[in-house]
Amino acid sequence: MADDRRADAPPGTEAAVLADRLKERIYATITMIAVVVGLSLGDVGSLGAVATVLTTALGLWLAAFVADQQAHRTVHRHLATGPELRRMLYVSSPLLSCAVGPAVLIALAALDVLSLHAALLTAAGWASSPCSCGAVWAGCAWEAAPWRRRWRAWRTRRSVWRSPW
C-alpha cells in the first residue's frame, strides 16, 4: 500500500496545514468564549443565544474563507479551485465546529435540563479548559507525529525507519 501523502508535496506541507488549522481553532475558541461570556452577562433567551452563537461561527468562517480567497486571488491571479480550495475549507472548518459545544449546551437549557446562565458559563469553561486544549493538541500531534509515519510504513512493509543497530 502506498503512503497516503502526495509524492509531489513539498516537505513540511502537512505541518503547515496543521499549524494553520490549529491557528483557526485557537482564534475561534477565544472568540466563542467572549461571545458566550457576553451572552451570560446579558438578558437573552435560548433562541437568541443559539442564534448568536451560530451566527458568530458562520460569520467567522465566511470572513476567514473570503480573506483566504482574496489573498489567493491577489497572489495567483485566479480564485482557488481543486486542492487549493479543499485546503482552504479544511483549514477554516474549526471556525464552524467551535459552535457545536455551546449550541448543544444552549439546547439543553432550552429543554430545562439546566439554566441558560449555567449553560453559557459551562460552554465558556469547557472551551477554555485544559481538556479542550489537550484534545486539540492530541489531534494535531497524532497527525504530525513521526512515529505515526513509521508505524504506517512498518504496517505496509515499506520501512522508512532505520534501526540504530
C-alpha atoms as a PDB file:
ATOM      1  CA  MET A   1       0.000   0.000   0.000  1.00  0.00           C
ATOM      2  CA  ALA A   2       1.389   3.373  -0.946  1.00  0.00           C
ATOM      3  CA  ASP A   3       1.940   6.189   1.502  1.00  0.00           C
ATOM      4  CA  ASP A   4      -1.143   8.434   1.645  1.00  0.00           C
ATOM      5  CA  ARG A   5       0.881  11.625   1.289  1.00  0.00           C
ATOM      6  CA  ARG A   6       1.283  13.111  -2.154  1.00  0.00           C
ATOM      7  CA  ALA A   7       4.679  12.428  -3.696  1.00  0.00           C
ATOM      8  CA  ASP A   8       4.945  15.904  -5.201  1.00  0.00           C
ATOM      9  CA  ALA A   9       4.009  17.752  -1.991  1.00  0.00           C
ATOM     10  CA  PRO A  10       6.929  19.700  -0.526  1.00  0.00           C
ATOM     11  CA  PRO A  11       8.220  18.541   2.860  1.00  0.00           C
ATOM     12  CA  GLY A  12       6.519  20.320   5.743  1.00  0.00           C
ATOM     13  CA  THR A  13       3.242  20.834   3.881  1.00  0.00           C
ATOM     14  CA  GLU A  14       1.317  18.660   6.319  1.00  0.00           C
ATOM     15  CA  ALA A  15       2.796  20.568   9.248  1.00  0.00           C
ATOM     16  CA  ALA A  16       1.899  23.900   7.648  1.00  0.00           C
ATOM     17  CA  VAL A  17      -1.716  22.826   7.109  1.00  0.00           C
ATOM     18  CA  LEU A  18      -1.968  21.571  10.684  1.00  0.00           C
ATOM     19  CA  ALA A  19      -0.454  24.793  12.004  1.00  0.00           C
ATOM     20  CA  ASP A  20      -2.951  26.880  10.023  1.00  0.00           C
ATOM     21  CA  ARG A  21      -5.814  24.698  11.221  1.00  0.00           C
ATOM     22  CA  LEU A  22      -4.673  24.981  14.839  1.00  0.00           C
ATOM     23  CA  LYS A  23      -4.407  28.767  14.454  1.00  0.00           C
ATOM     24  CA  GLU A  24      -8.011  28.920  13.258  1.00  0.00           C
ATOM     25  CA  ARG A  25      -9.146  26.649  16.122  1.00  0.00           C
ATOM     26  CA  ILE A  26      -7.486  28.880  18.716  1.00  0.00           C
ATOM     27  CA  TYR A  27      -8.928  32.027  17.141  1.00  0.00           C
ATOM     28  CA  ALA A  28     -12.431  30.524  17.015  1.00  0.00           C
ATOM     29  CA  THR A  29     -12.245  29.258  20.598  1.00  0.00           C
ATOM     30  CA  ILE A  30     -11.179  32.621  22.005  1.00  0.00           C
ATOM     31  CA  THR A  31     -13.908  34.385  20.044  1.00  0.00           C
ATOM     32  CA  MET A  32     -16.587  31.904  21.144  1.00  0.00           C
ATOM     33  CA  ILE A  33     -15.538  32.245  24.795  1.00  0.00           C
ATOM     34  CA  ALA A  34     -16.001  36.014  24.514  1.00  0.00           C
ATOM     35  CA  VAL A  35     -19.407  35.588  22.894  1.00  0.00           C
ATOM     36  CA  VAL A  36     -20.813  33.117  25.447  1.00  0.00           C
ATOM     37  CA  VAL A  37     -19.489  35.113  28.402  1.00  0.00           C
ATOM     38  CA  GLY A  38     -21.056  38.241  26.919  1.00  0.00           C
ATOM     39  CA  LEU A  39     -24.340  36.400  26.460  1.00  0.00           C
ATOM     40  CA  SER A  40     -24.234  35.158  30.063  1.00  0.00           C
ATOM     41  CA  LEU A  41     -23.959  38.744  31.303  1.00  0.00           C
ATOM     42  CA  GLY A  42     -26.966  39.916  29.305  1.00  0.00           C
ATOM     43  CA  ASP A  43     -30.647  39.108  29.335  1.00  0.00           C
ATOM     44  CA  VAL A  44     -31.169  36.799  26.372  1.00  0.00           C
ATOM     45  CA  GLY A  45     -33.358  33.766  25.724  1.00  0.00           C
ATOM     46  CA  SER A  46     -32.263  30.364  24.500  1.00  0.00           C
ATOM     47  CA  LEU A  47     -33.306  31.064  20.929  1.00  0.00           C
ATOM     48  CA  GLY A  48     -31.415  34.363  20.853  1.00  0.00           C
ATOM     49  CA  ALA A  49     -28.340  32.766  22.415  1.00  0.00           C
ATOM     50  CA  VAL A  50     -28.180  29.872  19.956  1.00  0.00           C
ATOM     51  CA  ALA A  51     -28.790  32.244  17.045  1.00  0.00           C
ATOM     52  CA  THR A  52     -25.946  34.474  18.254  1.00  0.00           C
ATOM     53  CA  VAL A  53     -23.549  31.542  18.669  1.00  0.00           C
ATOM     54  CA  LEU A  54     -24.346  30.046  15.255  1.00  0.00           C
ATOM     55  CA  THR A  55     -24.245  33.436  13.527  1.00  0.00           C
ATOM     56  CA  THR A  56     -20.895  34.198  15.130  1.00  0.00           C
ATOM     57  CA  ALA A  57     -19.405  30.895  13.942  1.00  0.00           C
ATOM     58  CA  LEU A  58     -20.786  31.335  10.431  1.00  0.00           C
ATOM     59  CA  GLY A  59     -19.560  34.938  10.287  1.00  0.00           C
ATOM     60  CA  LEU A  60     -16.073  33.939  11.425  1.00  0.00           C
ATOM     61  CA  TRP A  61     -15.937  31.162   8.857  1.00  0.00           C
ATOM     62  CA  LEU A  62     -17.141  33.359   5.994  1.00  0.00           C
ATOM     63  CA  ALA A  63     -14.702  36.124   6.916  1.00  0.00           C
ATOM     64  CA  ALA A  64     -11.757  33.723   7.012  1.00  0.00           C
ATOM     65  CA  PHE A  65     -12.807  31.988   3.802  1.00  0.00           C
ATOM     66  CA  VAL A  66     -13.284  35.256   1.874  1.00  0.00           C
ATOM     67  CA  ALA A  67      -9.941  36.548   3.183  1.00  0.00           C
ATOM     68  CA  ASP A  68      -8.178  33.344   2.071  1.00  0.00           C
ATOM     69  CA  GLN A  69      -9.821  33.517  -1.374  1.00  0.00           C
ATOM     70  CA  GLN A  70      -8.866  37.178  -1.811  1.00  0.00           C
ATOM     71  CA  ALA A  71      -5.286  36.532  -0.710  1.00  0.00           C
ATOM     72  CA  HIS A  72      -5.042  33.599  -3.123  1.00  0.00           C
ATOM     73  CA  ARG A  73      -6.534  35.694  -5.901  1.00  0.00           C
ATOM     74  CA  THR A  74      -4.110  38.537  -5.254  1.00  0.00           C
ATOM     75  CA  VAL A  75      -1.051  36.290  -5.277  1.00  0.00           C
ATOM     76  CA  HIS A  76      -2.006  33.799  -8.024  1.00  0.00           C
ATOM     77  CA  ARG A  77      -4.322  35.983 -10.145  1.00  0.00           C
ATOM     78  CA  HIS A  78      -7.155  33.407 -10.010  1.00  0.00           C
ATOM     79  CA  LEU A  79      -9.598  32.037  -7.452  1.00  0.00           C
ATOM     80  CA  ALA A  80      -8.658  28.874  -5.610  1.00  0.00           C
ATOM     81  CA  THR A  81     -10.025  25.657  -7.093  1.00  0.00           C
ATOM     82  CA  GLY A  82      -9.454  21.951  -6.579  1.00  0.00           C
ATOM     83  CA  PRO A  83      -6.817  21.096  -3.981  1.00  0.00           C
ATOM     84  CA  GLU A  84      -6.279  24.738  -3.034  1.00  0.00           C
ATOM     85  CA  LEU A  85      -9.980  25.188  -2.314  1.00  0.00           C
ATOM     86  CA  ARG A  86     -10.141  21.927  -0.342  1.00  0.00           C
ATOM     87  CA  ARG A  87      -7.192  23.072   1.759  1.00  0.00           C
ATOM     88  CA  MET A  88      -8.916  26.395   2.490  1.00  0.00           C
ATOM     89  CA  LEU A  89     -12.093  24.610   3.532  1.00  0.00           C
ATOM     90  CA  TYR A  90     -10.170  22.110   5.668  1.00  0.00           C
ATOM     91  CA  VAL A  91      -8.161  24.830   7.419  1.00  0.00           C
ATOM     92  CA  SER A  92     -11.191  27.023   8.110  1.00  0.00           C
ATOM     93  CA  SER A  93     -13.545  24.263   9.284  1.00  0.00           C
ATOM     94  CA  PRO A  94     -12.678  24.666  13.013  1.00  0.00           C
ATOM     95  CA  LEU A  95     -14.355  28.061  12.803  1.00  0.00           C
ATOM     96  CA  LEU A  96     -17.672  26.266  12.300  1.00  0.00           C
ATOM     97  CA  SER A  97     -17.066  23.455  14.787  1.00  0.00           C
ATOM     98  CA  CYS A  98     -16.434  25.892  17.637  1.00  0.00           C
ATOM     99  CA  ALA A  99     -20.205  26.497  17.875  1.00  0.00           C
ATOM    100  CA  VAL A 100     -21.155  22.856  18.477  1.00  0.00           C
ATOM    101  CA  GLY A 101     -20.444  22.716  22.223  1.00  0.00           C
ATOM    102  CA  PRO A 102     -22.180  25.982  23.113  1.00  0.00           C
ATOM    103  CA  ALA A 103     -25.136  25.159  20.842  1.00  0.00           C
ATOM    104  CA  VAL A 104     -25.639  21.750  22.498  1.00  0.00           C
ATOM    105  CA  LEU A 105     -25.492  23.300  25.962  1.00  0.00           C
ATOM    106  CA  ILE A 106     -27.935  26.052  24.983  1.00  0.00           C
ATOM    107  CA  ALA A 107     -30.259  23.382  23.574  1.00  0.00           C
ATOM    108  CA  LEU A 108     -30.108  21.599  26.948  1.00  0.00           C
ATOM    109  CA  ALA A 109     -31.031  24.888  28.592  1.00  0.00           C
ATOM    110  CA  ALA A 110     -33.976  25.253  26.225  1.00  0.00           C
ATOM    111  CA  LEU A 111     -35.124  21.786  27.368  1.00  0.00           C
ATOM    112  CA  ASP A 112     -34.839  22.925  31.028  1.00  0.00           C
ATOM    113  CA  VAL A 113     -32.057  20.489  31.823  1.00  0.00           C
ATOM    114  CA  LEU A 114     -30.024  23.409  33.175  1.00  0.00           C
ATOM    115  CA  SER A 115     -30.341  27.175  33.280  1.00  0.00           C
ATOM    116  CA  LEU A 116     -29.232  29.259  30.324  1.00  0.00           C
ATOM    117  CA  HIS A 117     -26.749  31.131  32.500  1.00  0.00           C
ATOM    118  CA  ALA A 118     -25.192  27.841  33.643  1.00  0.00           C
ATOM    119  CA  ALA A 119     -25.134  26.529  30.068  1.00  0.00           C
ATOM    120  CA  LEU A 120     -23.316  29.611  28.791  1.00  0.00           C
ATOM    121  CA  LEU A 121     -20.758  29.618  31.594  1.00  0.00           C
ATOM    122  CA  THR A 122     -20.224  25.879  31.130  1.00  0.00           C
ATOM    123  CA  ALA A 123     -19.665  26.455  27.418  1.00  0.00           C
ATOM    124  CA  ALA A 124     -17.077  29.136  28.192  1.00  0.00           C
ATOM    125  CA  GLY A 125     -15.378  26.938  30.786  1.00  0.00           C
ATOM    126  CA  TRP A 126     -15.314  23.882  28.545  1.00  0.00           C
ATOM    127  CA  ALA A 127     -13.795  25.812  25.655  1.00  0.00           C
ATOM    128  CA  SER A 128     -11.050  27.218  27.843  1.00  0.00           C
ATOM    129  CA  SER A 129     -10.384  24.048  29.825  1.00  0.00           C
ATOM    130  CA  PRO A 130      -7.147  22.121  29.607  1.00  0.00           C
ATOM    131  CA  CYS A 131      -9.214  19.169  28.400  1.00  0.00           C
ATOM    132  CA  SER A 132     -10.263  21.090  25.298  1.00  0.00           C
ATOM    133  CA  CYS A 133      -6.734  22.359  24.692  1.00  0.00           C
ATOM    134  CA  GLY A 134      -5.416  18.840  25.259  1.00  0.00           C
ATOM    135  CA  ALA A 135      -7.827  17.421  22.710  1.00  0.00           C
ATOM    136  CA  VAL A 136      -6.697  19.972  20.124  1.00  0.00           C
ATOM    137  CA  TRP A 137      -3.041  19.219  20.847  1.00  0.00           C
ATOM    138  CA  ALA A 138      -3.580  15.465  20.754  1.00  0.00           C
ATOM    139  CA  GLY A 139      -5.317  15.660  17.391  1.00  0.00           C
ATOM    140  CA  CYS A 140      -2.516  17.716  15.876  1.00  0.00           C
ATOM    141  CA  ALA A 141       0.186  15.582  17.481  1.00  0.00           C
ATOM    142  CA  TRP A 142      -1.429  12.413  16.138  1.00  0.00           C
ATOM    143  CA  GLU A 143      -1.472  13.801  12.597  1.00  0.00           C
ATOM    144  CA  ALA A 144       2.071  15.165  12.666  1.00  0.00           C
ATOM    145  CA  ALA A 145       3.859  12.539  14.742  1.00  0.00           C
ATOM    146  CA  PRO A 146       6.893  10.972  13.070  1.00  0.00           C
ATOM    147  CA  TRP A 147       6.207   7.724  14.916  1.00  0.00           C
ATOM    148  CA  ARG A 148       2.843   7.519  13.145  1.00  0.00           C
ATOM    149  CA  ARG A 149       4.563   7.614   9.765  1.00  0.00           C
ATOM    150  CA  ARG A 150       6.995   4.964  10.940  1.00  0.00           C
ATOM    151  CA  TRP A 151       4.160   2.797  12.196  1.00  0.00           C
ATOM    152  CA  ARG A 152       2.266   3.227   8.930  1.00  0.00           C
ATOM    153  CA  ALA A 153       5.402   2.324   6.962  1.00  0.00           C
ATOM    154  CA  TRP A 154       6.020  -0.730   9.133  1.00  0.00           C
ATOM    155  CA  ARG A 155       2.402  -1.782   8.774  1.00  0.00           C
ATOM    156  CA  THR A 156       2.594  -1.578   4.993  1.00  0.00           C
ATOM    157  CA  ARG A 157       6.003  -3.296   4.969  1.00  0.00           C
ATOM    158  CA  ARG A 158       7.691  -0.254   3.458  1.00  0.00           C
ATOM    159  CA  SER A 159      10.253   0.556   6.066  1.00  0.00           C
ATOM    160  CA  VAL A 160      11.500   4.141   6.128  1.00  0.00           C
ATOM    161  CA  TRP A 161      12.791   3.874   9.658  1.00  0.00           C
ATOM    162  CA  ARG A 162      16.359   2.714  10.101  1.00  0.00           C
ATOM    163  CA  SER A 163      17.373   0.835  13.163  1.00  0.00           C
ATOM    164  CA  PRO A 164      20.317   2.322  15.067  1.00  0.00           C
ATOM    165  CA  TRP A 165      21.795  -1.219  15.365  1.00  0.00           C
END
